[in-house]
Amino acid sequence: MFTMTDLEPYFGKASMKVNDIEFKLVKEEEMSGELAVWSSKDYLVRATPNFDNIPIPVYISTPKVKINIIYFFSAIFIFPSFPTFIL
């Protein structure tokens, strides 16, 4: 199963563009622990592998409003699959 450890080499380096919005993969520390976040100017997409034993829970928010919560129960084993499932 894909984990946060697998993402370590990509933090701060990986980026993707969706509908002309550039997202960069970063690691954030919150009270719940370490989170993998695709961050843009206007959106945060929290997508942390194996968080609370859910393979990839996805939380999409703006600075003011949580837009949606989506759970992907897909098995992800390599990094190239990760952004594809997220956005």
PDB file of N, CA and C in Angstrom:
ATOM      1  N   MET A   1       0.836  -1.181   0.000  1.00  0.00           N
ATOM      2  CA  MET A   1       0.000   0.000   0.000  1.00  0.00           C
ATOM      3  C   MET A   1       0.884   1.249   0.000  1.00  0.00           C
ATOM      4  N   PHE A   2       0.439   2.271  -0.612  1.00  0.00           N
ATOM      5  CA  PHE A   2       1.124   3.554  -0.732  1.00  0.00           C
ATOM      6  C   PHE A   2       1.022   4.317   0.591  1.00  0.00           C
ATOM      7  N   THR A   3       2.129   4.857   1.085  1.00  0.00           N
ATOM      8  CA  THR A   3       2.140   5.540   2.386  1.00  0.00           C
ATOM      9  C   THR A   3       2.826   6.903   2.281  1.00  0.00           C
ATOM     10  N   MET A   4       2.792   7.649   3.377  1.00  0.00           N
ATOM     11  CA  MET A   4       3.476   8.954   3.424  1.00  0.00           C
ATOM     12  C   MET A   4       4.969   8.796   3.172  1.00  0.00           C
ATOM     13  N   THR A   5       5.557   7.706   3.628  1.00  0.00           N
ATOM     14  CA  THR A   5       6.985   7.473   3.404  1.00  0.00           C
ATOM     15  C   THR A   5       7.305   7.444   1.916  1.00  0.00           C
ATOM     16  N   ASP A   6       6.399   6.885   1.112  1.00  0.00           N
ATOM     17  CA  ASP A   6       6.601   6.849  -0.338  1.00  0.00           C
ATOM     18  C   ASP A   6       6.574   8.238  -0.955  1.00  0.00           C
ATOM     19  N   LEU A   7       5.914   9.191  -0.295  1.00  0.00           N
ATOM     20  CA  LEU A   7       5.804  10.555  -0.826  1.00  0.00           C
ATOM     21  C   LEU A   7       7.000  11.434  -0.483  1.00  0.00           C
ATOM     22  N   GLU A   8       7.793  11.050   0.507  1.00  0.00           N
ATOM     23  CA  GLU A   8       8.899  11.890   0.987  1.00  0.00           C
ATOM     24  C   GLU A   8       9.744  12.495  -0.137  1.00  0.00           C
ATOM     25  N   PRO A   9      10.174  11.728  -1.152  1.00  0.00           N
ATOM     26  CA  PRO A   9      11.018  12.322  -2.188  1.00  0.00           C
ATOM     27  C   PRO A   9      10.302  13.362  -3.050  1.00  0.00           C
ATOM     28  N   TYR A  10       8.983  13.419  -2.988  1.00  0.00           N
ATOM     29  CA  TYR A  10       8.207  14.300  -3.870  1.00  0.00           C
ATOM     30  C   TYR A  10       7.761  15.603  -3.217  1.00  0.00           C
ATOM     31  N   PHE A  11       7.819  15.691  -1.887  1.00  0.00           N
ATOM     32  CA  PHE A  11       7.387  16.911  -1.222  1.00  0.00           C
ATOM     33  C   PHE A  11       8.230  18.094  -1.656  1.00  0.00           C
ATOM     34  N   GLY A  12       7.556  19.172  -2.057  1.00  0.00           N
ATOM     35  CA  GLY A  12       8.243  20.378  -2.502  1.00  0.00           C
ATOM     36  C   GLY A  12       8.749  20.310  -3.928  1.00  0.00           C
ATOM     37  N   LYS A  13       8.666  19.148  -4.568  1.00  0.00           N
ATOM     38  CA  LYS A  13       9.171  18.984  -5.927  1.00  0.00           C
ATOM     39  C   LYS A  13       8.072  18.666  -6.937  1.00  0.00           C
ATOM     40  N   ALA A  14       7.085  17.885  -6.520  1.00  0.00           N
ATOM     41  CA  ALA A  14       6.025  17.457  -7.439  1.00  0.00           C
ATOM     42  C   ALA A  14       4.979  18.558  -7.592  1.00  0.00           C
ATOM     43  N   SER A  15       4.518  18.738  -8.814  1.00  0.00           N
ATOM     44  CA  SER A  15       3.440  19.691  -9.071  1.00  0.00           C
ATOM     45  C   SER A  15       2.568  19.154 -10.192  1.00  0.00           C
ATOM     46  N   MET A  16       1.356  19.671 -10.263  1.00  0.00           N
ATOM     47  CA  MET A  16       0.450  19.310 -11.350  1.00  0.00           C
ATOM     48  C   MET A  16      -0.456  20.490 -11.637  1.00  0.00           C
ATOM     49  N   LYS A  17      -0.975  20.529 -12.842  1.00  0.00           N
ATOM     50  CA  LYS A  17      -1.844  21.614 -13.261  1.00  0.00           C
ATOM     51  C   LYS A  17      -3.199  21.034 -13.632  1.00  0.00           C
ATOM     52  N   VAL A  18      -4.265  21.613 -13.045  1.00  0.00           N
ATOM     53  CA  VAL A  18      -5.627  21.176 -13.307  1.00  0.00           C
ATOM     54  C   VAL A  18      -6.450  22.422 -13.616  1.00  0.00           C
ATOM     55  N   ASN A  19      -7.032  22.469 -14.810  1.00  0.00           N
ATOM     56  CA  ASN A  19      -7.831  23.640 -15.212  1.00  0.00           C
ATOM     57  C   ASN A  19      -7.083  24.947 -14.979  1.00  0.00           C
ATOM     58  N   ASP A  20      -5.829  24.990 -15.396  1.00  0.00           N
ATOM     59  CA  ASP A  20      -4.962  26.168 -15.258  1.00  0.00           C
ATOM     60  C   ASP A  20      -4.668  26.559 -13.810  1.00  0.00           C
ATOM     61  N   ILE A  21      -4.877  25.664 -12.881  1.00  0.00           N
ATOM     62  CA  ILE A  21      -4.520  25.900 -11.482  1.00  0.00           C
ATOM     63  C   ILE A  21      -3.330  25.009 -11.155  1.00  0.00           C
ATOM     64  N   GLU A  22      -2.250  25.625 -10.724  1.00  0.00           N
ATOM     65  CA  GLU A  22      -1.015  24.896 -10.400  1.00  0.00           C
ATOM     66  C   GLU A  22      -1.030  24.454  -8.937  1.00  0.00           C
ATOM     67  N   PHE A  23      -0.853  23.153  -8.719  1.00  0.00           N
ATOM     68  CA  PHE A  23      -0.803  22.586  -7.378  1.00  0.00           C
ATOM     69  C   PHE A  23       0.593  22.049  -7.107  1.00  0.00           C
ATOM     70  N   LYS A  24       1.079  22.243  -5.896  1.00  0.00           N
ATOM     71  CA  LYS A  24       2.387  21.725  -5.480  1.00  0.00           C
ATOM     72  C   LYS A  24       2.165  20.814  -4.278  1.00  0.00           C
ATOM     73  N   LEU A  25       2.873  19.688  -4.248  1.00  0.00           N
ATOM     74  CA  LEU A  25       2.750  18.740  -3.147  1.00  0.00           C
ATOM     75  C   LEU A  25       3.632  19.171  -1.987  1.00  0.00           C
ATOM     76  N   VAL A  26       2.999  19.358  -0.813  1.00  0.00           N
ATOM     77  CA  VAL A  26       3.733  19.756   0.386  1.00  0.00           C
ATOM     78  C   VAL A  26       3.293  18.875   1.558  1.00  0.00           C
ATOM     79  N   LYS A  27       4.097  18.884   2.603  1.00  0.00           N
ATOM     80  CA  LYS A  27       3.746  18.161   3.833  1.00  0.00           C
ATOM     81  C   LYS A  27       3.372  19.198   4.881  1.00  0.00           C
ATOM     82  N   GLU A  28       2.231  18.981   5.540  1.00  0.00           N
ATOM     83  CA  GLU A  28       1.794  19.882   6.603  1.00  0.00           C
ATOM     84  C   GLU A  28       1.701  19.115   7.915  1.00  0.00           C
ATOM     85  N   GLU A  29       2.028  19.804   8.988  1.00  0.00           N
ATOM     86  CA  GLU A  29       1.882  19.239  10.335  1.00  0.00           C
ATOM     87  C   GLU A  29       0.637  19.851  10.946  1.00  0.00           C
ATOM     88  N   GLU A  30      -0.292  19.008  11.374  1.00  0.00           N
ATOM     89  CA  GLU A  30      -1.483  19.472  12.073  1.00  0.00           C
ATOM     90  C   GLU A  30      -1.655  18.631  13.319  1.00  0.00           C
ATOM     91  N   MET A  31      -2.656  18.941  14.094  1.00  0.00           N
ATOM     92  CA  MET A  31      -2.878  18.184  15.327  1.00  0.00           C
ATOM     93  C   MET A  31      -3.108  16.703  15.043  1.00  0.00           C
ATOM     94  N   SER A  32      -3.640  16.403  13.866  1.00  0.00           N
ATOM     95  CA  SER A  32      -3.896  15.006  13.505  1.00  0.00           C
ATOM     96  C   SER A  32      -2.640  14.289  13.019  1.00  0.00           C
ATOM     97  N   GLY A  33      -1.554  15.027  12.815  1.00  0.00           N
ATOM     98  CA  GLY A  33      -0.301  14.428  12.368  1.00  0.00           C
ATOM     99  C   GLY A  33       0.176  15.030  11.063  1.00  0.00           C
ATOM    100  N   GLU A  34       1.004  14.291  10.340  1.00  0.00           N
ATOM    101  CA  GLU A  34       1.529  14.743   9.056  1.00  0.00           C
ATOM    102  C   GLU A  34       0.501  14.493   7.963  1.00  0.00           C
ATOM    103  N   LEU A  35       0.295  15.508   7.120  1.00  0.00           N
ATOM    104  CA  LEU A  35      -0.664  15.393   6.022  1.00  0.00           C
ATOM    105  C   LEU A  35       0.009  15.721   4.704  1.00  0.00           C
ATOM    106  N   ALA A  36      -0.368  15.006   3.657  1.00  0.00           N
ATOM    107  CA  ALA A  36       0.071  15.322   2.300  1.00  0.00           C
ATOM    108  C   ALA A  36      -0.965  16.273   1.715  1.00  0.00           C
ATOM    109  N   VAL A  37      -0.499  17.423   1.201  1.00  0.00           N
ATOM    110  CA  VAL A  37      -1.415  18.453   0.714  1.00  0.00           C
ATOM    111  C   VAL A  37      -0.962  18.929  -0.660  1.00  0.00           C
ATOM    112  N   TRP A  38      -1.906  18.936  -1.607  1.00  0.00           N
ATOM    113  CA  TRP A  38      -1.689  19.584  -2.908  1.00  0.00           C
ATOM    114  C   TRP A  38      -2.178  21.015  -2.712  1.00  0.00           C
ATOM    115  N   SER A  39      -1.271  21.962  -2.766  1.00  0.00           N
ATOM    116  CA  SER A  39      -1.572  23.342  -2.418  1.00  0.00           C
ATOM    117  C   SER A  39      -1.490  24.247  -3.642  1.00  0.00           C
ATOM    118  N   SER A  40      -2.489  25.120  -3.794  1.00  0.00           N
ATOM    119  CA  SER A  40      -2.448  26.156  -4.822  1.00  0.00           C
ATOM    120  C   SER A  40      -2.752  27.485  -4.139  1.00  0.00           C
ATOM    121  N   LYS A  41      -2.819  28.534  -4.927  1.00  0.00           N
ATOM    122  CA  LYS A  41      -3.113  29.855  -4.380  1.00  0.00           C
ATOM    123  C   LYS A  41      -4.484  29.884  -3.701  1.00  0.00           C
ATOM    124  N   ASP A  42      -5.457  29.201  -4.280  1.00  0.00           N
ATOM    125  CA  ASP A  42      -6.834  29.287  -3.791  1.00  0.00           C
ATOM    126  C   ASP A  42      -7.383  28.011  -3.165  1.00  0.00           C
ATOM    127  N   TYR A  43      -6.721  26.871  -3.369  1.00  0.00           N
ATOM    128  CA  TYR A  43      -7.267  25.600  -2.906  1.00  0.00           C
ATOM    129  C   TYR A  43      -6.235  24.779  -2.148  1.00  0.00           C
ATOM    130  N   LEU A  44      -6.728  23.986  -1.197  1.00  0.00           N
ATOM    131  CA  LEU A  44      -5.925  22.974  -0.530  1.00  0.00           C
ATOM    132  C   LEU A  44      -6.622  21.643  -0.745  1.00  0.00           C
ATOM    133  N   VAL A  45      -5.869  20.670  -1.209  1.00  0.00           N
ATOM    134  CA  VAL A  45      -6.405  19.328  -1.396  1.00  0.00           C
ATOM    135  C   VAL A  45      -5.602  18.406  -0.495  1.00  0.00           C
ATOM    136  N   ARG A  46      -6.192  18.067   0.643  1.00  0.00           N
ATOM    137  CA  ARG A  46      -5.511  17.164   1.578  1.00  0.00           C
ATOM    138  C   ARG A  46      -5.767  15.736   1.120  1.00  0.00           C
ATOM    139  N   ALA A  47      -4.700  15.033   0.814  1.00  0.00           N
ATOM    140  CA  ALA A  47      -4.800  13.673   0.291  1.00  0.00           C
ATOM    141  C   ALA A  47      -3.660  12.850   0.877  1.00  0.00           C
ATOM    142  N   THR A  48      -3.865  12.322   2.061  1.00  0.00           N
ATOM    143  CA  THR A  48      -2.819  11.643   2.808  1.00  0.00           C
ATOM    144  C   THR A  48      -2.985  10.131   2.711  1.00  0.00           C
ATOM    145  N   PRO A  49      -2.012   9.431   2.136  1.00  0.00           N
ATOM    146  CA  PRO A  49      -2.124   7.976   2.023  1.00  0.00           C
ATOM    147  C   PRO A  49      -2.272   7.296   3.367  1.00  0.00           C
ATOM    148  N   ASN A  50      -3.177   6.355   3.432  1.00  0.00           N
ATOM    149  CA  ASN A  50      -3.407   5.515   4.607  1.00  0.00           C
ATOM    150  C   ASN A  50      -3.618   6.324   5.885  1.00  0.00           C
ATOM    151  N   PHE A  51      -4.485   7.331   5.808  1.00  0.00           N
ATOM    152  CA  PHE A  51      -4.800   8.157   6.970  1.00  0.00           C
ATOM    153  C   PHE A  51      -5.996   7.563   7.696  1.00  0.00           C
ATOM    154  N   ASP A  52      -5.860   7.283   8.966  1.00  0.00           N
ATOM    155  CA  ASP A  52      -6.910   6.614   9.764  1.00  0.00           C
ATOM    156  C   ASP A  52      -7.364   5.316   9.113  1.00  0.00           C
ATOM    157  N   ASN A  53      -6.422   4.599   8.519  1.00  0.00           N
ATOM    158  CA  ASN A  53      -6.669   3.316   7.846  1.00  0.00           C
ATOM    159  C   ASN A  53      -7.614   3.419   6.646  1.00  0.00           C
ATOM    160  N   ILE A  54      -7.763   4.615   6.092  1.00  0.00           N
ATOM    161  CA  ILE A  54      -8.486   4.809   4.834  1.00  0.00           C
ATOM    162  C   ILE A  54      -7.405   5.042   3.784  1.00  0.00           C
ATOM    163  N   PRO A  55      -7.390   4.260   2.683  1.00  0.00           N
ATOM    164  CA  PRO A  55      -6.286   4.356   1.742  1.00  0.00           C
ATOM    165  C   PRO A  55      -5.944   5.785   1.316  1.00  0.00           C
ATOM    166  N   ILE A  56      -6.876   6.543   0.768  1.00  0.00           N
ATOM    167  CA  ILE A  56      -6.611   7.939   0.412  1.00  0.00           C
ATOM    168  C   ILE A  56      -7.862   8.767   0.669  1.00  0.00           C
ATOM    169  N   PRO A  57      -8.006   9.373   1.848  1.00  0.00           N
ATOM    170  CA  PRO A  57      -9.125  10.294   2.029  1.00  0.00           C
ATOM    171  C   PRO A  57      -8.762  11.639   1.411  1.00  0.00           C
ATOM    172  N   VAL A  58      -9.702  12.272   0.754  1.00  0.00           N
ATOM    173  CA  VAL A  58      -9.433  13.535   0.067  1.00  0.00           C
ATOM    174  C   VAL A  58     -10.371  14.611   0.606  1.00  0.00           C
ATOM    175  N   TYR A  59      -9.790  15.716   1.083  1.00  0.00           N
ATOM    176  CA  TYR A  59     -10.549  16.863   1.567  1.00  0.00           C
ATOM    177  C   TYR A  59     -10.162  18.065   0.719  1.00  0.00           C
ATOM    178  N   ILE A  60     -11.122  18.685   0.094  1.00  0.00           N
ATOM    179  CA  ILE A  60     -10.859  19.851  -0.753  1.00  0.00           C
ATOM    180  C   ILE A  60     -11.423  21.075  -0.051  1.00  0.00           C
ATOM    181  N   SER A  61     -10.612  22.122   0.094  1.00  0.00           N
ATOM    182  CA  SER A  61     -11.092  23.318   0.769  1.00  0.00           C
ATOM    183  C   SER A  61     -10.479  24.574   0.176  1.00  0.00           C
ATOM    184  N   THR A  62     -11.137  25.690   0.437  1.00  0.00           N
ATOM    185  CA  THR A  62     -10.595  27.013   0.148  1.00  0.00           C
ATOM    186  C   THR A  62     -10.190  27.581   1.500  1.00  0.00           C
ATOM    187  N   PRO A  63      -9.614  28.766   1.540  1.00  0.00           N
ATOM    188  CA  PRO A  63      -9.262  29.312   2.852  1.00  0.00           C
ATOM    189  C   PRO A  63     -10.464  29.476   3.791  1.00  0.00           C
ATOM    190  N   LYS A  64     -11.679  29.555   3.257  1.00  0.00           N
ATOM    191  CA  LYS A  64     -12.841  29.806   4.103  1.00  0.00           C
ATOM    192  C   LYS A  64     -13.830  28.649   4.185  1.00  0.00           C
ATOM    193  N   VAL A  65     -13.898  27.818   3.159  1.00  0.00           N
ATOM    194  CA  VAL A  65     -14.984  26.842   3.077  1.00  0.00           C
ATOM    195  C   VAL A  65     -14.461  25.465   2.670  1.00  0.00           C
ATOM    196  N   LYS A  66     -14.934  24.419   3.368  1.00  0.00           N
ATOM    197  CA  LYS A  66     -14.653  23.066   2.913  1.00  0.00           C
ATOM    198  C   LYS A  66     -15.619  22.773   1.774  1.00  0.00           C
ATOM    199  N   ILE A  67     -15.116  22.388   0.614  1.00  0.00           N
ATOM    200  CA  ILE A  67     -15.956  22.206  -0.560  1.00  0.00           C
ATOM    201  C   ILE A  67     -16.564  20.812  -0.594  1.00  0.00           C
ATOM    202  N   ASN A  68     -15.769  19.807  -0.336  1.00  0.00           N
ATOM    203  CA  ASN A  68     -16.257  18.447  -0.519  1.00  0.00           C
ATOM    204  C   ASN A  68     -15.361  17.480   0.236  1.00  0.00           C
ATOM    205  N   ILE A  69     -15.904  16.339   0.554  1.00  0.00           N
ATOM    206  CA  ILE A  69     -15.105  15.251   1.113  1.00  0.00           C
ATOM    207  C   ILE A  69     -15.356  14.038   0.244  1.00  0.00           C
ATOM    208  N   ILE A  70     -14.300  13.464  -0.270  1.00  0.00           N
ATOM    209  CA  ILE A  70     -14.405  12.310  -1.150  1.00  0.00           C
ATOM    210  C   ILE A  70     -13.457  11.250  -0.624  1.00  0.00           C
ATOM    211  N   TYR A  71     -13.882  10.013  -0.584  1.00  0.00           N
ATOM    212  CA  TYR A  71     -12.987   8.931  -0.181  1.00  0.00           C
ATOM    213  C   TYR A  71     -12.703   8.045  -1.378  1.00  0.00           C
ATOM    214  N   PHE A  72     -11.444   7.821  -1.656  1.00  0.00           N
ATOM    215  CA  PHE A  72     -11.027   6.874  -2.686  1.00  0.00           C
ATOM    216  C   PHE A  72     -10.552   5.624  -1.957  1.00  0.00           C
ATOM    217  N   PHE A  73     -11.160   4.513  -2.253  1.00  0.00           N
ATOM    218  CA  PHE A  73     -10.745   3.263  -1.622  1.00  0.00           C
ATOM    219  C   PHE A  73      -9.874   2.445  -2.564  1.00  0.00           C
ATOM    220  N   SER A  74      -9.280   3.111  -3.507  1.00  0.00           N
ATOM    221  CA  SER A  74      -8.445   2.435  -4.503  1.00  0.00           C
ATOM    222  C   SER A  74      -7.083   2.089  -3.920  1.00  0.00           C
ATOM    223  N   ALA A  75      -6.557   1.008  -4.363  1.00  0.00           N
ATOM    224  CA  ALA A  75      -5.195   0.631  -3.988  1.00  0.00           C
ATOM    225  C   ALA A  75      -4.236   1.394  -4.886  1.00  0.00           C
ATOM    226  N   ILE A  76      -3.342   2.153  -4.281  1.00  0.00           N
ATOM    227  CA  ILE A  76      -2.340   2.913  -5.021  1.00  0.00           C
ATOM    228  C   ILE A  76      -0.981   2.395  -4.573  1.00  0.00           C
ATOM    229  N   PHE A  77      -0.158   2.055  -5.537  1.00  0.00           N
ATOM    230  CA  PHE A  77       1.133   1.455  -5.205  1.00  0.00           C
ATOM    231  C   PHE A  77       2.330   2.270  -5.681  1.00  0.00           C
ATOM    232  N   ILE A  78       2.125   3.195  -6.640  1.00  0.00           N
ATOM    233  CA  ILE A  78       3.245   3.985  -7.158  1.00  0.00           C
ATOM    234  C   ILE A  78       2.827   5.453  -7.259  1.00  0.00           C
ATOM    235  N   PHE A  79       3.817   6.351  -7.207  1.00  0.00           N
ATOM    236  CA  PHE A  79       3.519   7.777  -7.206  1.00  0.00           C
ATOM    237  C   PHE A  79       2.736   8.243  -8.434  1.00  0.00           C
ATOM    238  N   PRO A  80       3.043   7.836  -9.656  1.00  0.00           N
ATOM    239  CA  PRO A  80       2.292   8.354 -10.814  1.00  0.00           C
ATOM    240  C   PRO A  80       0.786   8.126 -10.721  1.00  0.00           C
ATOM    241  N   SER A  81       0.353   7.097 -10.009  1.00  0.00           N
ATOM    242  CA  SER A  81      -1.081   6.865  -9.839  1.00  0.00           C
ATOM    243  C   SER A  81      -1.699   7.842  -8.848  1.00  0.00           C
ATOM    244  N   PHE A  82      -0.912   8.324  -7.897  1.00  0.00           N
ATOM    245  CA  PHE A  82      -1.419   9.167  -6.829  1.00  0.00           C
ATOM    246  C   PHE A  82      -2.085  10.448  -7.341  1.00  0.00           C
ATOM    247  N   PRO A  83      -1.404  11.311  -8.132  1.00  0.00           N
ATOM    248  CA  PRO A  83      -2.076  12.522  -8.612  1.00  0.00           C
ATOM    249  C   PRO A  83      -3.274  12.219  -9.507  1.00  0.00           C
ATOM    250  N   THR A  84      -3.220  11.127 -10.255  1.00  0.00           N
ATOM    251  CA  THR A  84      -4.323  10.751 -11.141  1.00  0.00           C
ATOM    252  C   THR A  84      -5.603  10.497 -10.352  1.00  0.00           C
ATOM    253  N   PHE A  85      -5.485   9.837  -9.222  1.00  0.00           N
ATOM    254  CA  PHE A  85      -6.656   9.553  -8.397  1.00  0.00           C
ATOM    255  C   PHE A  85      -7.142  10.780  -7.634  1.00  0.00           C
ATOM    256  N   ILE A  86      -6.230  11.689  -7.323  1.00  0.00           N
ATOM    257  CA  ILE A  86      -6.575  12.832  -6.474  1.00  0.00           C
ATOM    258  C   ILE A  86      -7.386  13.885  -7.221  1.00  0.00           C
ATOM    259  N   LEU A  87      -6.945  14.296  -8.389  1.00  0.00           N
ATOM    260  CA  LEU A  87      -7.650  15.384  -9.094  1.00  0.00           C
ATOM    261  C   LEU A  87      -8.066  14.979 -10.485  1.00  0.00           C
TER     262      LEU A  87
END
